[in-house]
Amino acid sequence: DGLHVSSGHGRKRDAVLAGEVPKVLAPHQAPQRQPLVRLHPV
């Protein structure tokens, strides 16, 4: 699974490399797991 998150929370690659302090996430902003290999339902 990949861990996906909105880009505005200080967790994207460039922000982590720059040492930015990540934002505190509310429960509904938490990173979401998604399969790297997704089976298409149709």
Full PDB file with SEQRES, HELIX, SHEET, SSBOND, CRYST1, ORIGX, SCALE, CONECT and MASTER records, all heavy atoms in Angstrom:
SEQRES   1 A   42  ASP GLY LEU HIS VAL SER SER GLY HIS GLY ARG LYS ARG          
SEQRES   2 A   42  ASP ALA VAL LEU ALA GLY GLU VAL PRO LYS VAL LEU ALA          
SEQRES   3 A   42  PRO HIS GLN ALA PRO GLN ARG GLN PRO LEU VAL ARG LEU          
SEQRES   4 A   42  HIS PRO VAL                                                  
HELIX    1 AA1 SER A    7  HIS A    9  5                                   3    
HELIX    2 AA2 ARG A   13  LEU A   17  1                                   5    
HELIX    3 AA3 PRO A   27  GLN A   29  5                                   3    
SHEET    1 AA1 2 GLY A   2  HIS A   4  0                                        
SHEET    2 AA1 2 GLN A  32  GLN A  34 -1                                        
CRYST1    1.000    1.000    1.000  90.00  90.00  90.00 P 1           1          
ORIGX1      1.000000  0.000000  0.000000        0.00000                         
ORIGX2      0.000000  1.000000  0.000000        0.00000                         
ORIGX3      0.000000  0.000000  1.000000        0.00000                         
SCALE1      1.000000  0.000000  0.000000        0.00000                         
SCALE2      0.000000  1.000000  0.000000        0.00000                         
SCALE3      0.000000  0.000000  1.000000        0.00000                         
ATOM      1  N   ASP A   1       0.831  -1.205   0.000  1.00  0.00           N  
ATOM      2  CA  ASP A   1       0.000   0.000   0.000  1.00  0.00           C  
ATOM      3  C   ASP A   1       0.859   1.246   0.000  1.00  0.00           C  
ATOM      4  O   ASP A   1       1.883   1.306   0.700  1.00  0.00           O  
ATOM      5  CB  ASP A   1      -0.889   0.047   1.251  1.00  0.00           C  
ATOM      6  CG  ASP A   1      -1.987  -0.988   1.238  1.00  0.00           C  
ATOM      7  OD1 ASP A   1      -2.376  -1.423   0.139  1.00  0.00           O  
ATOM      8  OD2 ASP A   1      -2.457  -1.368   2.332  1.00  0.00           O  
ATOM      9  N   GLY A   2       0.429   2.252  -0.770  1.00  0.00           N  
ATOM     10  CA  GLY A   2       1.018   3.581  -0.670  1.00  0.00           C  
ATOM     11  C   GLY A   2       0.284   4.382   0.391  1.00  0.00           C  
ATOM     12  O   GLY A   2      -0.885   4.122   0.690  1.00  0.00           O  
ATOM     13  N   LEU A   3       0.972   5.368   0.967  1.00  0.00           N  
ATOM     14  CA  LEU A   3       0.363   6.279   1.928  1.00  0.00           C  
ATOM     15  C   LEU A   3       0.170   7.629   1.252  1.00  0.00           C  
ATOM     16  O   LEU A   3       1.139   8.305   0.917  1.00  0.00           O  
ATOM     17  CB  LEU A   3       1.256   6.439   3.166  1.00  0.00           C  
ATOM     18  CG  LEU A   3       1.288   5.275   4.142  1.00  0.00           C  
ATOM     19  CD1 LEU A   3       2.279   5.566   5.266  1.00  0.00           C  
ATOM     20  CD2 LEU A   3      -0.089   5.005   4.718  1.00  0.00           C  
ATOM     21  N   HIS A   4      -1.084   8.008   1.048  1.00  0.00           N  
ATOM     22  CA  HIS A   4      -1.438   9.226   0.318  1.00  0.00           C  
ATOM     23  C   HIS A   4      -1.935  10.281   1.299  1.00  0.00           C  
ATOM     24  O   HIS A   4      -2.676   9.970   2.238  1.00  0.00           O  
ATOM     25  CB  HIS A   4      -2.527   8.926  -0.709  1.00  0.00           C  
ATOM     26  CG  HIS A   4      -2.118   7.950  -1.768  1.00  0.00           C  
ATOM     27  ND1 HIS A   4      -2.008   8.289  -3.103  1.00  0.00           N  
ATOM     28  CD2 HIS A   4      -1.785   6.631  -1.701  1.00  0.00           C  
ATOM     29  CE1 HIS A   4      -1.640   7.230  -3.810  1.00  0.00           C  
ATOM     30  NE2 HIS A   4      -1.510   6.214  -2.968  1.00  0.00           N  
ATOM     31  N   VAL A   5      -1.561  11.535   1.054  1.00  0.00           N  
ATOM     32  CA  VAL A   5      -1.975  12.624   1.935  1.00  0.00           C  
ATOM     33  C   VAL A   5      -2.041  13.910   1.115  1.00  0.00           C  
ATOM     34  O   VAL A   5      -1.319  14.069   0.132  1.00  0.00           O  
ATOM     35  CB  VAL A   5      -0.996  12.767   3.122  1.00  0.00           C  
ATOM     36  CG1 VAL A   5       0.358  13.304   2.660  1.00  0.00           C  
ATOM     37  CG2 VAL A   5      -1.577  13.612   4.243  1.00  0.00           C  
ATOM     38  N   SER A   6      -2.901  14.816   1.517  1.00  0.00           N  
ATOM     39  CA  SER A   6      -3.008  16.102   0.829  1.00  0.00           C  
ATOM     40  C   SER A   6      -1.685  16.852   0.919  1.00  0.00           C  
ATOM     41  O   SER A   6      -0.990  16.802   1.942  1.00  0.00           O  
ATOM     42  CB  SER A   6      -4.138  16.932   1.444  1.00  0.00           C  
ATOM     43  OG  SER A   6      -4.257  18.171   0.788  1.00  0.00           O  
ATOM     44  N   SER A   7      -1.346  17.562  -0.142  1.00  0.00           N  
ATOM     45  CA  SER A   7      -0.014  18.169  -0.234  1.00  0.00           C  
ATOM     46  C   SER A   7       0.197  19.363   0.680  1.00  0.00           C  
ATOM     47  O   SER A   7       1.322  19.813   0.854  1.00  0.00           O  
ATOM     48  CB  SER A   7       0.253  18.593  -1.681  1.00  0.00           C  
ATOM     49  OG  SER A   7      -0.686  19.570  -2.095  1.00  0.00           O  
ATOM     50  N   GLY A   8      -0.848  19.892   1.284  1.00  0.00           N  
ATOM     51  CA  GLY A   8      -0.697  21.107   2.081  1.00  0.00           C  
ATOM     52  C   GLY A   8      -0.365  20.894   3.534  1.00  0.00           C  
ATOM     53  O   GLY A   8      -0.481  21.825   4.343  1.00  0.00           O  
ATOM     54  N   HIS A   9       0.083  19.688   3.919  1.00  0.00           N  
ATOM     55  CA  HIS A   9       0.276  19.389   5.336  1.00  0.00           C  
ATOM     56  C   HIS A   9       1.734  19.201   5.741  1.00  0.00           C  
ATOM     57  O   HIS A   9       2.011  18.734   6.846  1.00  0.00           O  
ATOM     58  CB  HIS A   9      -0.522  18.144   5.714  1.00  0.00           C  
ATOM     59  CG  HIS A   9      -2.000  18.293   5.526  1.00  0.00           C  
ATOM     60  ND1 HIS A   9      -2.728  19.321   6.094  1.00  0.00           N  
ATOM     61  CD2 HIS A   9      -2.900  17.551   4.819  1.00  0.00           C  
ATOM     62  CE1 HIS A   9      -4.003  19.200   5.763  1.00  0.00           C  
ATOM     63  NE2 HIS A   9      -4.129  18.147   4.973  1.00  0.00           N  
ATOM     64  N   GLY A  10       2.672  19.540   4.864  1.00  0.00           N  
ATOM     65  CA  GLY A  10       4.085  19.453   5.223  1.00  0.00           C  
ATOM     66  C   GLY A  10       4.645  18.050   5.184  1.00  0.00           C  
ATOM     67  O   GLY A  10       5.686  17.781   5.792  1.00  0.00           O  
ATOM     68  N   ARG A  11       3.990  17.135   4.449  1.00  0.00           N  
ATOM     69  CA  ARG A  11       4.454  15.759   4.391  1.00  0.00           C  
ATOM     70  C   ARG A  11       4.937  15.346   3.001  1.00  0.00           C  
ATOM     71  O   ARG A  11       5.346  14.196   2.811  1.00  0.00           O  
ATOM     72  CB  ARG A  11       3.334  14.810   4.840  1.00  0.00           C  
ATOM     73  CG  ARG A  11       3.045  14.925   6.328  1.00  0.00           C  
ATOM     74  CD  ARG A  11       1.823  14.145   6.749  1.00  0.00           C  
ATOM     75  NE  ARG A  11       1.707  14.117   8.199  1.00  0.00           N  
ATOM     76  CZ  ARG A  11       2.047  13.088   8.970  1.00  0.00           C  
ATOM     77  NH1 ARG A  11       2.531  11.995   8.424  1.00  0.00           N  
ATOM     78  NH2 ARG A  11       1.909  13.152  10.277  1.00  0.00           N  
ATOM     79  N   LYS A  12       4.876  16.257   2.039  1.00  0.00           N  
ATOM     80  CA  LYS A  12       5.376  15.903   0.712  1.00  0.00           C  
ATOM     81  C   LYS A  12       6.902  15.849   0.745  1.00  0.00           C  
ATOM     82  O   LYS A  12       7.552  16.349   1.664  1.00  0.00           O  
ATOM     83  CB  LYS A  12       4.860  16.877  -0.338  1.00  0.00           C  
ATOM     84  CG  LYS A  12       5.290  18.311  -0.171  1.00  0.00           C  
ATOM     85  CD  LYS A  12       4.621  19.171  -1.246  1.00  0.00           C  
ATOM     86  CE  LYS A  12       5.053  20.631  -1.134  1.00  0.00           C  
ATOM     87  NZ  LYS A  12       4.409  21.470  -2.161  1.00  0.00           N  
ATOM     88  N   ARG A  13       7.474  15.261  -0.261  1.00  0.00           N  
ATOM     89  CA  ARG A  13       8.917  14.977  -0.265  1.00  0.00           C  
ATOM     90  C   ARG A  13       9.752  16.232  -0.088  1.00  0.00           C  
ATOM     91  O   ARG A  13      10.698  16.258   0.722  1.00  0.00           O  
ATOM     92  CB  ARG A  13       9.294  14.265  -1.562  1.00  0.00           C  
ATOM     93  CG  ARG A  13      10.747  13.794  -1.621  1.00  0.00           C  
ATOM     94  CD  ARG A  13      10.979  13.019  -2.912  1.00  0.00           C  
ATOM     95  NE  ARG A  13      12.303  12.460  -2.991  1.00  0.00           N  
ATOM     96  CZ  ARG A  13      13.371  13.097  -3.467  1.00  0.00           C  
ATOM     97  NH1 ARG A  13      13.240  14.345  -3.911  1.00  0.00           N  
ATOM     98  NH2 ARG A  13      14.544  12.503  -3.521  1.00  0.00           N  
ATOM     99  N   ASP A  14       9.450  17.283  -0.830  1.00  0.00           N  
ATOM    100  CA  ASP A  14      10.247  18.501  -0.745  1.00  0.00           C  
ATOM    101  C   ASP A  14      10.172  19.124   0.643  1.00  0.00           C  
ATOM    102  O   ASP A  14      11.170  19.643   1.155  1.00  0.00           O  
ATOM    103  CB  ASP A  14       9.787  19.512  -1.798  1.00  0.00           C  
ATOM    104  CG  ASP A  14      10.103  19.070  -3.216  1.00  0.00           C  
ATOM    105  OD1 ASP A  14      10.850  18.077  -3.372  1.00  0.00           O  
ATOM    106  OD2 ASP A  14       9.595  19.685  -4.161  1.00  0.00           O  
ATOM    107  N   ALA A  15       8.995  19.069   1.271  1.00  0.00           N  
ATOM    108  CA  ALA A  15       8.843  19.636   2.612  1.00  0.00           C  
ATOM    109  C   ALA A  15       9.650  18.851   3.634  1.00  0.00           C  
ATOM    110  O   ALA A  15      10.277  19.429   4.533  1.00  0.00           O  
ATOM    111  CB  ALA A  15       7.368  19.652   3.001  1.00  0.00           C  
ATOM    112  N   VAL A  16       9.646  17.520   3.509  1.00  0.00           N  
ATOM    113  CA  VAL A  16      10.407  16.687   4.444  1.00  0.00           C  
ATOM    114  C   VAL A  16      11.899  16.916   4.255  1.00  0.00           C  
ATOM    115  O   VAL A  16      12.654  17.042   5.229  1.00  0.00           O  
ATOM    116  CB  VAL A  16      10.033  15.204   4.254  1.00  0.00           C  
ATOM    117  CG1 VAL A  16      10.940  14.305   5.094  1.00  0.00           C  
ATOM    118  CG2 VAL A  16       8.567  14.976   4.635  1.00  0.00           C  
ATOM    119  N   LEU A  17      12.352  16.992   3.015  1.00  0.00           N  
ATOM    120  CA  LEU A  17      13.770  17.248   2.754  1.00  0.00           C  
ATOM    121  C   LEU A  17      14.201  18.611   3.287  1.00  0.00           C  
ATOM    122  O   LEU A  17      15.339  18.788   3.733  1.00  0.00           O  
ATOM    123  CB  LEU A  17      14.047  17.165   1.253  1.00  0.00           C  
ATOM    124  CG  LEU A  17      14.115  15.762   0.652  1.00  0.00           C  
ATOM    125  CD1 LEU A  17      14.185  15.854  -0.863  1.00  0.00           C  
ATOM    126  CD2 LEU A  17      15.304  14.989   1.200  1.00  0.00           C  
ATOM    127  N   ALA A  18      13.287  19.593   3.244  1.00  0.00           N  
ATOM    128  CA  ALA A  18      13.600  20.943   3.723  1.00  0.00           C  
ATOM    129  C   ALA A  18      13.500  21.050   5.243  1.00  0.00           C  
ATOM    130  O   ALA A  18      13.823  22.108   5.807  1.00  0.00           O  
ATOM    131  CB  ALA A  18      12.666  21.955   3.064  1.00  0.00           C  
ATOM    132  N   GLY A  19      13.046  20.003   5.908  1.00  0.00           N  
ATOM    133  CA  GLY A  19      12.942  20.032   7.359  1.00  0.00           C  
ATOM    134  C   GLY A  19      11.772  20.829   7.886  1.00  0.00           C  
ATOM    135  O   GLY A  19      11.786  21.258   9.042  1.00  0.00           O  
ATOM    136  N   GLU A  20      10.748  21.013   7.062  1.00  0.00           N  
ATOM    137  CA  GLU A  20       9.578  21.746   7.527  1.00  0.00           C  
ATOM    138  C   GLU A  20       8.867  20.977   8.644  1.00  0.00           C  
ATOM    139  O   GLU A  20       8.850  19.746   8.650  1.00  0.00           O  
ATOM    140  CB  GLU A  20       8.596  21.970   6.370  1.00  0.00           C  
ATOM    141  CG  GLU A  20       9.114  22.887   5.282  1.00  0.00           C  
ATOM    142  CD  GLU A  20       8.087  23.098   4.173  1.00  0.00           C  
ATOM    143  OE1 GLU A  20       6.891  22.802   4.415  1.00  0.00           O  
ATOM    144  OE2 GLU A  20       8.478  23.540   3.082  1.00  0.00           O  
ATOM    145  N   VAL A  21       8.306  21.719   9.579  1.00  0.00           N  
ATOM    146  CA  VAL A  21       7.538  21.095  10.653  1.00  0.00           C  
ATOM    147  C   VAL A  21       6.166  20.732  10.095  1.00  0.00           C  
ATOM    148  O   VAL A  21       5.427  21.611   9.645  1.00  0.00           O  
ATOM    149  CB  VAL A  21       7.400  22.045  11.856  1.00  0.00           C  
ATOM    150  CG1 VAL A  21       6.534  21.396  12.933  1.00  0.00           C  
ATOM    151  CG2 VAL A  21       8.774  22.394  12.413  1.00  0.00           C  
ATOM    152  N   PRO A  22       5.798  19.456  10.110  1.00  0.00           N  
ATOM    153  CA  PRO A  22       4.499  19.080   9.549  1.00  0.00           C  
ATOM    154  C   PRO A  22       3.354  19.586  10.415  1.00  0.00           C  
ATOM    155  O   PRO A  22       3.488  19.746  11.628  1.00  0.00           O  
ATOM    156  CB  PRO A  22       4.546  17.548   9.539  1.00  0.00           C  
ATOM    157  CG  PRO A  22       5.526  17.195  10.607  1.00  0.00           C  
ATOM    158  CD  PRO A  22       6.543  18.301  10.611  1.00  0.00           C  
ATOM    159  N   LYS A  23       2.227  19.827   9.765  1.00  0.00           N  
ATOM    160  CA  LYS A  23       1.045  20.268  10.487  1.00  0.00           C  
ATOM    161  C   LYS A  23       0.434  19.110  11.275  1.00  0.00           C  
ATOM    162  O   LYS A  23       0.566  17.937  10.894  1.00  0.00           O  
ATOM    163  CB  LYS A  23       0.003  20.825   9.503  1.00  0.00           C  
ATOM    164  CG  LYS A  23       0.451  22.078   8.770  1.00  0.00           C  
ATOM    165  CD  LYS A  23      -0.632  22.553   7.815  1.00  0.00           C  
ATOM    166  CE  LYS A  23      -0.195  23.811   7.063  1.00  0.00           C  
ATOM    167  NZ  LYS A  23      -1.231  24.262   6.099  1.00  0.00           N  
ATOM    168  N   VAL A  24      -0.201  19.455  12.380  1.00  0.00           N  
ATOM    169  CA  VAL A  24      -0.960  18.456  13.120  1.00  0.00           C  
ATOM    170  C   VAL A  24      -2.230  18.158  12.339  1.00  0.00           C  
ATOM    171  O   VAL A  24      -2.981  19.074  11.979  1.00  0.00           O  
ATOM    172  CB  VAL A  24      -1.295  18.960  14.542  1.00  0.00           C  
ATOM    173  CG1 VAL A  24      -2.162  17.936  15.267  1.00  0.00           C  
ATOM    174  CG2 VAL A  24      -0.009  19.236  15.316  1.00  0.00           C  
ATOM    175  N   LEU A  25      -2.472  16.892  12.077  1.00  0.00           N  
ATOM    176  CA  LEU A  25      -3.591  16.505  11.237  1.00  0.00           C  
ATOM    177  C   LEU A  25      -4.806  16.145  12.078  1.00  0.00           C  
ATOM    178  O   LEU A  25      -4.695  15.427  13.073  1.00  0.00           O  
ATOM    179  CB  LEU A  25      -3.219  15.307  10.366  1.00  0.00           C  
ATOM    180  CG  LEU A  25      -2.029  15.487   9.418  1.00  0.00           C  
ATOM    181  CD1 LEU A  25      -1.782  14.198   8.642  1.00  0.00           C  
ATOM    182  CD2 LEU A  25      -2.268  16.643   8.467  1.00  0.00           C  
ATOM    183  N   ALA A  26      -5.944  16.649  11.670  1.00  0.00           N  
ATOM    184  CA  ALA A  26      -7.204  16.198  12.249  1.00  0.00           C  
ATOM    185  C   ALA A  26      -7.485  14.776  11.751  1.00  0.00           C  
ATOM    186  O   ALA A  26      -6.925  14.353  10.729  1.00  0.00           O  
ATOM    187  CB  ALA A  26      -8.335  17.137  11.842  1.00  0.00           C  
ATOM    188  N   PRO A  27      -8.326  14.016  12.449  1.00  0.00           N  
ATOM    189  CA  PRO A  27      -8.594  12.636  12.015  1.00  0.00           C  
ATOM    190  C   PRO A  27      -9.015  12.509  10.558  1.00  0.00           C  
ATOM    191  O   PRO A  27      -8.601  11.574   9.866  1.00  0.00           O  
ATOM    192  CB  PRO A  27      -9.697  12.183  12.972  1.00  0.00           C  
ATOM    193  CG  PRO A  27      -9.467  12.983  14.221  1.00  0.00           C  
ATOM    194  CD  PRO A  27      -8.993  14.328  13.743  1.00  0.00           C  
ATOM    195  N   HIS A  28      -9.803  13.475  10.066  1.00  0.00           N  
ATOM    196  CA  HIS A  28     -10.276  13.355   8.684  1.00  0.00           C  
ATOM    197  C   HIS A  28      -9.225  13.801   7.663  1.00  0.00           C  
ATOM    198  O   HIS A  28      -9.465  13.731   6.460  1.00  0.00           O  
ATOM    199  CB  HIS A  28     -11.568  14.156   8.487  1.00  0.00           C  
ATOM    200  CG  HIS A  28     -11.391  15.637   8.570  1.00  0.00           C  
ATOM    201  ND1 HIS A  28     -11.232  16.309   9.753  1.00  0.00           N  
ATOM    202  CD2 HIS A  28     -11.344  16.581   7.596  1.00  0.00           C  
ATOM    203  CE1 HIS A  28     -11.097  17.594   9.523  1.00  0.00           C  
ATOM    204  NE2 HIS A  28     -11.169  17.784   8.217  1.00  0.00           N  
ATOM    205  N   GLN A  29      -8.050  14.249   8.131  1.00  0.00           N  
ATOM    206  CA  GLN A  29      -6.951  14.612   7.241  1.00  0.00           C  
ATOM    207  C   GLN A  29      -5.850  13.555   7.226  1.00  0.00           C  
ATOM    208  O   GLN A  29      -4.841  13.721   6.568  1.00  0.00           O  
ATOM    209  CB  GLN A  29      -6.353  15.951   7.679  1.00  0.00           C  
ATOM    210  CG  GLN A  29      -7.319  17.117   7.617  1.00  0.00           C  
ATOM    211  CD  GLN A  29      -6.766  18.363   8.265  1.00  0.00           C  
ATOM    212  OE1 GLN A  29      -6.039  18.298   9.275  1.00  0.00           O  
ATOM    213  NE2 GLN A  29      -7.080  19.527   7.691  1.00  0.00           N  
ATOM    214  N   ALA A  30      -6.039  12.484   7.958  1.00  0.00           N  
ATOM    215  CA  ALA A  30      -4.997  11.476   8.124  1.00  0.00           C  
ATOM    216  C   ALA A  30      -4.600  10.843   6.787  1.00  0.00           C  
ATOM    217  O   ALA A  30      -5.427  10.727   5.879  1.00  0.00           O  
ATOM    218  CB  ALA A  30      -5.478  10.390   9.078  1.00  0.00           C  
ATOM    219  N   PRO A  31      -3.323  10.438   6.645  1.00  0.00           N  
ATOM    220  CA  PRO A  31      -2.910   9.723   5.435  1.00  0.00           C  
ATOM    221  C   PRO A  31      -3.757   8.476   5.222  1.00  0.00           C  
ATOM    222  O   PRO A  31      -4.157   7.805   6.174  1.00  0.00           O  
ATOM    223  CB  PRO A  31      -1.448   9.365   5.720  1.00  0.00           C  
ATOM    224  CG  PRO A  31      -0.997  10.373   6.731  1.00  0.00           C  
ATOM    225  CD  PRO A  31      -2.200  10.650   7.583  1.00  0.00           C  
ATOM    226  N   GLN A  32      -4.020   8.177   3.973  1.00  0.00           N  
ATOM    227  CA  GLN A  32      -4.862   7.043   3.608  1.00  0.00           C  
ATOM    228  C   GLN A  32      -4.053   6.009   2.830  1.00  0.00           C  
ATOM    229  O   GLN A  32      -3.287   6.350   1.934  1.00  0.00           O  
ATOM    230  CB  GLN A  32      -6.062   7.505   2.775  1.00  0.00           C  
ATOM    231  CG  GLN A  32      -6.965   8.496   3.475  1.00  0.00           C  
ATOM    232  CD  GLN A  32      -7.630   7.913   4.711  1.00  0.00           C  
ATOM    233  OE1 GLN A  32      -8.050   6.752   4.719  1.00  0.00           O  
ATOM    234  NE2 GLN A  32      -7.729   8.718   5.767  1.00  0.00           N  
ATOM    235  N   ARG A  33      -4.249   4.754   3.188  1.00  0.00           N  
ATOM    236  CA  ARG A  33      -3.581   3.663   2.481  1.00  0.00           C  
ATOM    237  C   ARG A  33      -4.368   3.322   1.219  1.00  0.00           C  
ATOM    238  O   ARG A  33      -5.584   3.176   1.251  1.00  0.00           O  
ATOM    239  CB  ARG A  33      -3.480   2.436   3.385  1.00  0.00           C  
ATOM    240  CG  ARG A  33      -2.571   2.640   4.572  1.00  0.00           C  
ATOM    241  CD  ARG A  33      -2.623   1.457   5.513  1.00  0.00           C  
ATOM    242  NE  ARG A  33      -2.004   0.281   4.942  1.00  0.00           N  
ATOM    243  CZ  ARG A  33      -1.061  -0.455   5.550  1.00  0.00           C  
ATOM    244  NH1 ARG A  33      -0.644  -0.110   6.763  1.00  0.00           N  
ATOM    245  NH2 ARG A  33      -0.555  -1.521   4.974  1.00  0.00           N  
ATOM    246  N   GLN A  34      -3.619   3.209   0.121  1.00  0.00           N  
ATOM    247  CA  GLN A  34      -4.213   2.798  -1.158  1.00  0.00           C  
ATOM    248  C   GLN A  34      -3.298   1.742  -1.778  1.00  0.00           C  
ATOM    249  O   GLN A  34      -2.074   1.833  -1.672  1.00  0.00           O  
ATOM    250  CB  GLN A  34      -4.327   3.977  -2.129  1.00  0.00           C  
ATOM    251  CG  GLN A  34      -4.973   5.221  -1.568  1.00  0.00           C  
ATOM    252  CD  GLN A  34      -6.490   5.124  -1.459  1.00  0.00           C  
ATOM    253  OE1 GLN A  34      -7.076   4.071  -1.650  1.00  0.00           O  
ATOM    254  NE2 GLN A  34      -7.138   6.240  -1.124  1.00  0.00           N  
ATOM    255  N   PRO A  35      -3.855   0.734  -2.420  1.00  0.00           N  
ATOM    256  CA  PRO A  35      -3.016  -0.330  -2.999  1.00  0.00           C  
ATOM    257  C   PRO A  35      -2.139   0.196  -4.130  1.00  0.00           C  
ATOM    258  O   PRO A  35      -2.584   0.984  -4.965  1.00  0.00           O  
ATOM    259  CB  PRO A  35      -4.029  -1.344  -3.513  1.00  0.00           C  
ATOM    260  CG  PRO A  35      -5.280  -0.547  -3.735  1.00  0.00           C  
ATOM    261  CD  PRO A  35      -5.282   0.516  -2.669  1.00  0.00           C  
ATOM    262  N   LEU A  36      -0.881  -0.261  -4.148  1.00  0.00           N  
ATOM    263  CA  LEU A  36      -0.013   0.085  -5.281  1.00  0.00           C  
ATOM    264  C   LEU A  36      -0.518  -0.567  -6.555  1.00  0.00           C  
ATOM    265  O   LEU A  36      -0.362  -0.023  -7.647  1.00  0.00           O  
ATOM    266  CB  LEU A  36       1.420  -0.390  -5.022  1.00  0.00           C  
ATOM    267  CG  LEU A  36       2.306   0.420  -4.092  1.00  0.00           C  
ATOM    268  CD1 LEU A  36       3.704  -0.194  -4.058  1.00  0.00           C  
ATOM    269  CD2 LEU A  36       2.386   1.872  -4.525  1.00  0.00           C  
ATOM    270  N   VAL A  37      -1.091  -1.745  -6.416  1.00  0.00           N  
ATOM    271  CA  VAL A  37      -1.676  -2.458  -7.553  1.00  0.00           C  
ATOM    272  C   VAL A  37      -3.173  -2.514  -7.311  1.00  0.00           C  
ATOM    273  O   VAL A  37      -3.654  -3.189  -6.401  1.00  0.00           O  
ATOM    274  CB  VAL A  37      -1.102  -3.880  -7.684  1.00  0.00           C  
ATOM    275  CG1 VAL A  37      -1.740  -4.590  -8.881  1.00  0.00           C  
ATOM    276  CG2 VAL A  37       0.413  -3.830  -7.820  1.00  0.00           C  
ATOM    277  N   ARG A  38      -3.907  -1.779  -8.123  1.00  0.00           N  
ATOM    278  CA  ARG A  38      -5.348  -1.664  -7.906  1.00  0.00           C  
ATOM    279  C   ARG A  38      -6.096  -2.506  -8.929  1.00  0.00           C  
ATOM    280  O   ARG A  38      -5.834  -2.424 -10.139  1.00  0.00           O  
ATOM    281  CB  ARG A  38      -5.760  -0.192  -8.012  1.00  0.00           C  
ATOM    282  CG  ARG A  38      -7.186   0.042  -7.535  1.00  0.00           C  
ATOM    283  CD  ARG A  38      -7.472   1.502  -7.336  1.00  0.00           C  
ATOM    284  NE  ARG A  38      -8.878   1.678  -6.986  1.00  0.00           N  
ATOM    285  CZ  ARG A  38      -9.473   2.861  -6.914  1.00  0.00           C  
ATOM    286  NH1 ARG A  38      -8.792   3.966  -7.122  1.00  0.00           N  
ATOM    287  NH2 ARG A  38     -10.764   2.926  -6.607  1.00  0.00           N  
ATOM    288  N   LEU A  39      -7.027  -3.316  -8.432  1.00  0.00           N  
ATOM    289  CA  LEU A  39      -7.848  -4.146  -9.306  1.00  0.00           C  
ATOM    290  C   LEU A  39      -9.064  -3.348  -9.751  1.00  0.00           C  
ATOM    291  O   LEU A  39      -9.868  -2.912  -8.924  1.00  0.00           O  
ATOM    292  CB  LEU A  39      -8.284  -5.413  -8.561  1.00  0.00           C  
ATOM    293  CG  LEU A  39      -9.013  -6.466  -9.383  1.00  0.00           C  
ATOM    294  CD1 LEU A  39      -8.086  -7.055 -10.452  1.00  0.00           C  
ATOM    295  CD2 LEU A  39      -9.547  -7.571  -8.473  1.00  0.00           C  
ATOM    296  N   HIS A  40      -9.179  -3.151 -11.057  1.00  0.00           N  
ATOM    297  CA  HIS A  40     -10.272  -2.334 -11.566  1.00  0.00           C  
ATOM    298  C   HIS A  40     -11.589  -3.081 -11.433  1.00  0.00           C  
ATOM    299  O   HIS A  40     -11.702  -4.237 -11.892  1.00  0.00           O  
ATOM    300  CB  HIS A  40     -10.024  -1.969 -13.029  1.00  0.00           C  
ATOM    301  CG  HIS A  40     -10.853  -0.829 -13.517  1.00  0.00           C  
ATOM    302  ND1 HIS A  40     -12.193  -0.962 -13.808  1.00  0.00           N  
ATOM    303  CD2 HIS A  40     -10.542   0.483 -13.737  1.00  0.00           C  
ATOM    304  CE1 HIS A  40     -12.659   0.196 -14.218  1.00  0.00           C  
ATOM    305  NE2 HIS A  40     -11.693   1.099 -14.182  1.00  0.00           N  
ATOM    306  N   PRO A  41     -12.612  -2.465 -10.820  1.00  0.00           N  
ATOM    307  CA  PRO A  41     -13.854  -3.195 -10.552  1.00  0.00           C  
ATOM    308  C   PRO A  41     -14.682  -3.511 -11.793  1.00  0.00           C  
ATOM    309  O   PRO A  41     -15.578  -4.345 -11.730  1.00  0.00           O  
ATOM    310  CB  PRO A  41     -14.613  -2.258  -9.615  1.00  0.00           C  
ATOM    311  CG  PRO A  41     -14.100  -0.893  -9.945  1.00  0.00           C  
ATOM    312  CD  PRO A  41     -12.653  -1.096 -10.268  1.00  0.00           C  
ATOM    313  N   VAL A  42     -14.404  -2.847 -12.910  1.00  0.00           N  
ATOM    314  CA  VAL A  42     -15.175  -3.087 -14.136  1.00  0.00           C  
ATOM    315  C   VAL A  42     -14.423  -4.006 -15.088  1.00  0.00           C  
ATOM    316  O   VAL A  42     -14.961  -5.002 -15.577  1.00  0.00           O  
ATOM    317  CB  VAL A  42     -15.525  -1.756 -14.834  1.00  0.00           C  
ATOM    318  CG1 VAL A  42     -16.274  -2.016 -16.140  1.00  0.00           C  
ATOM    319  CG2 VAL A  42     -16.351  -0.873 -13.912  1.00  0.00           C  
TER     320      VAL A  42                                                      
MASTER        0    0    0    3    2    0    0    6  319    1    0    4          
END                                                                             
